[in-house]
Amino acid sequence: MSVQKNTNYRLTPAPGAEAGICVLTSTQVEGPFYFPSPERKDIRENRQGMAMKLRMQILRSPGCAPIEGAVVEVWHTDATGVYSGYPSEVAHDIWKTVVLLGMHGVNRRGELHVEPTEQTTFLRGLQRSDASGWVEFETLFPGWYEGRVPHIHFKVFVEGREQLTSQFYLDPATCDEVYTTVAPYNQYGKCPLSFENDIALRDNAEALGLLLKPSLPERGQMLAVARIGIQRA
């Protein structure tokens, strides 16, 4: 299946904790595999893979003032590219994905959505930001699945209202290293797609503050940090 190449996307790094700056973080599509997550810090459950701590600071933009009490929700695939709540066989079979979307997909707010078909919740969770705007999740480095580059979805709510839906894109060099050297990622090897032909970046070409580059493992755990700027809080 060919994917149109996009050379006009604007993907910039997510500011880290020491950056001293924030940007107005770009919106990206929700994707078809969202459903509400349980409130918890450790979202790994029984999944295997490279441990990763994901820290996010929620800030007003402009001004970078921290927002306390924001609800931050994340969801992503496991090391083999599987989303909880959905059949595992679709991850690396694009035609089974097409069948799933065709049979169960519905239009919701202009996007294709599929209700979960299984009662699993691994690698989904939400946290409420502290007085400095920070939330922290204990998770795993995500794997890739057919049709997309590696990514992590997230939403931000303030006072019950959704302020941002977006997704982080993972640094390709880090992905290549993990996918070729660490089990169980290495059973599928490198992701065959690039940012230039990712469907979400094609349709949402402005991706400011969304390139995430986790640090190399320390004591067996990666660390990824991002400051998220939202406007309407």
Protein backbone atom coordinates (compact mmCIF):
# COMPACT_ATOMS: atom_id res chain seq x y z
CA MET A 1 0.00 0.00 0.00
CA SER A 2 1.58 3.27 -1.14
CA VAL A 3 1.48 6.37 1.05
CA GLN A 4 1.71 9.87 -0.36
CA LYS A 5 4.98 11.56 0.55
CA ASN A 6 4.74 14.85 2.42
CA THR A 7 7.67 17.26 2.33
CA ASN A 8 5.85 20.20 3.94
CA TYR A 9 5.41 19.01 7.52
CA ARG A 10 6.81 21.10 10.40
CA LEU A 11 7.84 18.80 13.24
CA THR A 12 9.84 20.44 16.05
CA PRO A 13 11.24 19.07 19.34
CA ALA A 14 9.20 19.10 22.52
CA PRO A 15 10.92 21.52 24.95
CA GLY A 16 12.46 19.69 27.90
CA ALA A 17 12.48 20.58 31.57
CA GLU A 18 15.71 22.57 31.28
CA ALA A 19 14.72 24.41 28.11
CA GLY A 20 13.19 27.40 29.93
CA ILE A 21 10.73 27.85 27.07
CA CYS A 22 7.39 26.50 25.93
CA VAL A 23 5.59 26.48 22.60
CA LEU A 24 1.93 26.32 21.70
CA THR A 25 1.76 22.57 21.14
CA SER A 26 0.14 21.56 17.86
CA THR A 27 -3.06 19.56 17.63
CA GLN A 28 -2.96 16.16 15.94
CA VAL A 29 -5.67 13.62 15.15
CA GLU A 30 -7.13 11.48 17.93
CA GLY A 31 -6.88 8.32 15.87
CA PRO A 32 -9.40 5.45 15.77
CA PHE A 33 -8.24 3.59 18.89
CA TYR A 34 -9.13 5.96 21.73
CA PHE A 35 -11.31 5.14 24.73
CA PRO A 36 -11.25 6.63 28.26
CA SER A 37 -8.33 5.53 30.42
CA PRO A 38 -8.12 4.58 34.11
CA GLU A 39 -6.51 7.06 36.51
CA ARG A 40 -3.06 5.71 37.40
CA LYS A 41 0.65 6.45 37.16
CA ASP A 42 1.95 3.00 36.18
CA ILE A 43 0.24 1.98 32.95
CA ARG A 44 2.40 -1.01 32.00
CA GLU A 45 0.28 -3.83 33.45
CA ASN A 46 1.76 -7.10 32.15
CA ARG A 47 3.44 -5.76 29.02
CA GLN A 48 7.11 -6.42 28.31
CA GLY A 49 9.56 -3.95 26.80
CA MET A 50 11.95 -1.07 27.49
CA ALA A 51 10.80 0.77 30.62
CA MET A 52 10.26 4.48 30.10
CA LYS A 53 9.30 7.32 32.43
CA LEU A 54 7.21 9.94 30.61
CA ARG A 55 7.07 13.36 32.29
CA MET A 56 4.86 16.14 30.93
CA GLN A 57 4.45 19.70 32.18
CA ILE A 58 1.22 21.50 31.26
CA LEU A 59 1.65 25.24 30.72
CA ARG A 60 -0.33 28.23 29.52
CA SER A 61 0.87 29.71 26.26
CA PRO A 62 2.04 32.39 25.98
CA GLY A 63 3.71 33.00 29.32
CA CYS A 64 4.50 29.40 30.29
CA ALA A 65 2.61 29.55 33.60
CA PRO A 66 2.05 26.03 35.01
CA ILE A 67 -1.49 24.67 35.21
CA GLU A 68 -2.44 22.72 38.33
CA GLY A 69 -5.16 20.09 38.19
CA ALA A 70 -5.10 19.50 34.44
CA VAL A 71 -6.12 15.97 33.47
CA VAL A 72 -3.56 14.41 31.14
CA GLU A 73 -4.42 11.18 29.37
CA VAL A 74 -2.00 9.03 27.34
CA TRP A 75 -2.35 5.89 25.26
CA HIS A 76 -0.01 4.00 22.93
CA THR A 77 0.93 0.57 21.64
CA ASP A 78 2.97 -2.10 23.35
CA ALA A 79 6.38 -3.26 22.13
CA THR A 80 4.82 -5.32 19.32
CA GLY A 81 2.58 -2.51 18.04
CA VAL A 82 -0.65 -3.63 19.73
CA TYR A 83 -3.20 -1.28 21.30
CA SER A 84 -5.11 -2.52 24.32
CA GLY A 85 -8.80 -3.02 23.57
CA TYR A 86 -8.22 -4.15 19.98
CA PRO A 87 -7.21 -7.39 18.18
CA SER A 88 -3.47 -8.05 18.23
CA GLU A 89 -3.40 -9.40 14.67
CA VAL A 90 -4.13 -6.01 13.11
CA ALA A 91 -0.81 -4.50 14.26
CA HIS A 92 1.28 -6.00 11.44
CA ASP A 93 -1.37 -6.90 8.90
CA ILE A 94 -2.55 -3.74 7.12
CA TRP A 95 -5.44 -5.54 5.41
CA LYS A 96 -6.85 -6.79 8.72
CA THR A 97 -6.61 -3.20 9.93
CA VAL A 98 -8.56 -2.03 6.88
CA VAL A 99 -11.22 -4.69 7.55
CA LEU A 100 -11.49 -3.69 11.22
CA LEU A 101 -11.89 -0.02 10.33
CA GLY A 102 -14.34 -0.82 7.56
CA MET A 103 -16.54 -3.09 9.66
CA HIS A 104 -16.45 -1.26 12.98
CA GLY A 105 -15.36 2.30 12.20
CA VAL A 106 -17.81 5.17 12.68
CA ASN A 107 -17.45 8.88 12.04
CA ARG A 108 -17.09 10.77 15.30
CA ARG A 109 -16.46 14.53 15.17
CA GLY A 110 -15.04 14.18 11.69
CA GLU A 111 -12.66 11.34 12.53
CA LEU A 112 -12.85 7.58 12.17
CA HIS A 113 -13.37 5.84 15.52
CA VAL A 114 -13.55 2.17 16.48
CA GLU A 115 -15.11 1.06 19.76
CA PRO A 116 -12.90 -1.42 21.66
CA THR A 117 -13.49 -5.09 20.90
CA GLU A 118 -11.55 -6.47 23.90
CA GLN A 119 -11.54 -5.59 27.59
CA THR A 120 -7.86 -4.76 28.07
CA THR A 121 -6.41 -1.42 29.21
CA PHE A 122 -2.60 -1.79 29.14
CA LEU A 123 -0.61 1.34 28.27
CA ARG A 124 -3.51 3.71 28.89
CA GLY A 125 -3.79 6.05 31.84
CA LEU A 126 -4.48 9.52 33.14
CA GLN A 127 -2.95 11.73 35.82
CA ARG A 128 -3.73 15.18 37.28
CA SER A 129 -1.00 17.80 37.13
CA ASP A 130 0.60 19.01 40.38
CA ALA A 131 1.12 22.62 41.47
CA SER A 132 4.02 22.93 39.01
CA GLY A 133 2.01 21.50 36.14
CA TRP A 134 3.76 18.12 36.06
CA VAL A 135 2.41 14.62 35.50
CA GLU A 136 4.46 11.44 35.30
CA PHE A 137 3.72 8.04 33.81
CA GLU A 138 5.58 4.75 34.20
CA THR A 139 5.27 3.20 30.77
CA LEU A 140 7.19 1.42 28.00
CA PHE A 141 8.81 2.63 24.82
CA PRO A 142 6.10 2.02 22.16
CA GLY A 143 6.45 -0.28 19.20
CA TRP A 144 5.29 0.43 15.65
CA TYR A 145 2.42 -0.91 13.63
CA GLU A 146 1.59 -0.95 9.93
CA GLY A 147 0.67 2.40 8.43
CA ARG A 148 2.14 4.71 11.09
CA VAL A 149 5.47 5.88 12.48
CA PRO A 150 6.00 5.32 16.24
CA HIS A 151 3.96 7.73 18.36
CA ILE A 152 2.25 8.37 21.70
CA HIS A 153 -1.24 9.85 21.86
CA PHE A 154 -2.29 12.31 24.56
CA LYS A 155 -5.14 14.59 25.61
CA VAL A 156 -5.26 17.51 28.05
CA PHE A 157 -8.41 18.58 29.89
CA VAL A 158 -8.79 21.67 32.10
CA GLU A 159 -11.87 22.07 34.29
CA GLY A 160 -13.55 19.24 32.44
CA ARG A 161 -13.02 20.70 28.99
CA GLU A 162 -10.77 19.16 26.38
CA GLN A 163 -8.01 21.65 25.56
CA LEU A 164 -5.67 19.60 23.38
CA THR A 165 -5.58 16.31 21.52
CA SER A 166 -2.21 15.46 20.00
CA GLN A 167 0.54 12.89 19.69
CA PHE A 168 4.27 12.73 20.22
CA TYR A 169 6.49 11.39 17.43
CA LEU A 170 9.50 9.34 18.52
CA ASP A 171 13.05 10.16 17.45
CA PRO A 172 13.90 7.83 14.53
CA ALA A 173 17.49 7.11 15.66
CA THR A 174 16.27 6.04 19.10
CA CYS A 175 13.56 3.91 17.51
CA ASP A 176 16.04 2.18 15.19
CA GLU A 177 18.34 1.33 18.09
CA VAL A 178 15.57 -0.11 20.25
CA TYR A 179 13.83 -1.95 17.43
CA THR A 180 16.99 -3.72 16.31
CA THR A 181 18.62 -4.55 19.66
CA VAL A 182 15.92 -5.03 22.31
CA ALA A 183 13.44 -7.91 22.65
CA PRO A 184 10.55 -8.16 21.88
CA TYR A 185 10.83 -5.12 19.56
CA ASN A 186 13.47 -6.77 17.40
CA GLN A 187 11.12 -9.45 16.09
CA TYR A 188 9.76 -6.77 13.71
CA GLY A 189 12.90 -4.64 13.21
CA LYS A 190 12.90 -1.03 12.07
CA CYS A 191 9.70 0.80 11.23
CA PRO A 192 9.42 0.92 7.41
CA LEU A 193 7.80 4.38 7.35
CA SER A 194 9.28 7.84 7.88
CA PHE A 195 7.84 11.20 8.91
CA GLU A 196 7.60 12.14 5.23
CA ASN A 197 5.02 9.46 4.51
CA ASP A 198 3.16 9.23 7.82
CA ILE A 199 -0.57 9.72 7.27
CA ALA A 200 -1.12 11.83 10.42
CA LEU A 201 1.68 14.24 9.55
CA ARG A 202 0.35 14.41 6.02
CA ASP A 203 -3.08 15.48 7.27
CA ASN A 204 -1.83 17.61 10.21
CA ALA A 205 1.42 18.99 8.84
CA GLU A 206 2.09 21.44 11.70
CA ALA A 207 3.51 19.42 14.60
CA LEU A 208 5.20 21.99 16.81
CA GLY A 209 6.67 20.70 20.06
CA LEU A 210 5.87 17.06 19.29
CA LEU A 211 9.21 15.39 18.50
CA LEU A 212 10.11 13.35 21.56
CA LYS A 213 13.65 12.09 22.11
CA PRO A 214 13.93 9.84 25.17
CA SER A 215 17.29 9.68 26.92
CA LEU A 216 19.41 6.57 26.78
CA PRO A 217 18.52 4.02 29.45
CA GLU A 218 19.75 4.68 32.97
CA ARG A 219 19.37 1.74 35.31
CA GLY A 220 17.32 0.05 32.63
CA GLN A 221 14.83 2.90 32.17
CA MET A 222 14.47 5.59 29.52
CA LEU A 223 13.33 9.12 30.36
CA ALA A 224 11.21 11.31 28.09
CA VAL A 225 10.28 14.87 29.12
CA ALA A 226 8.06 17.40 27.36
CA ARG A 227 6.59 20.81 28.18
CA ILE A 228 3.10 21.18 26.67
CA GLY A 229 1.73 24.64 25.92
CA ILE A 230 -2.03 25.11 25.68
CA GLN A 231 -3.84 28.34 24.87
CA ARG A 232 -7.39 28.30 26.19
CA ALA A 233 -6.83 27.36 29.85
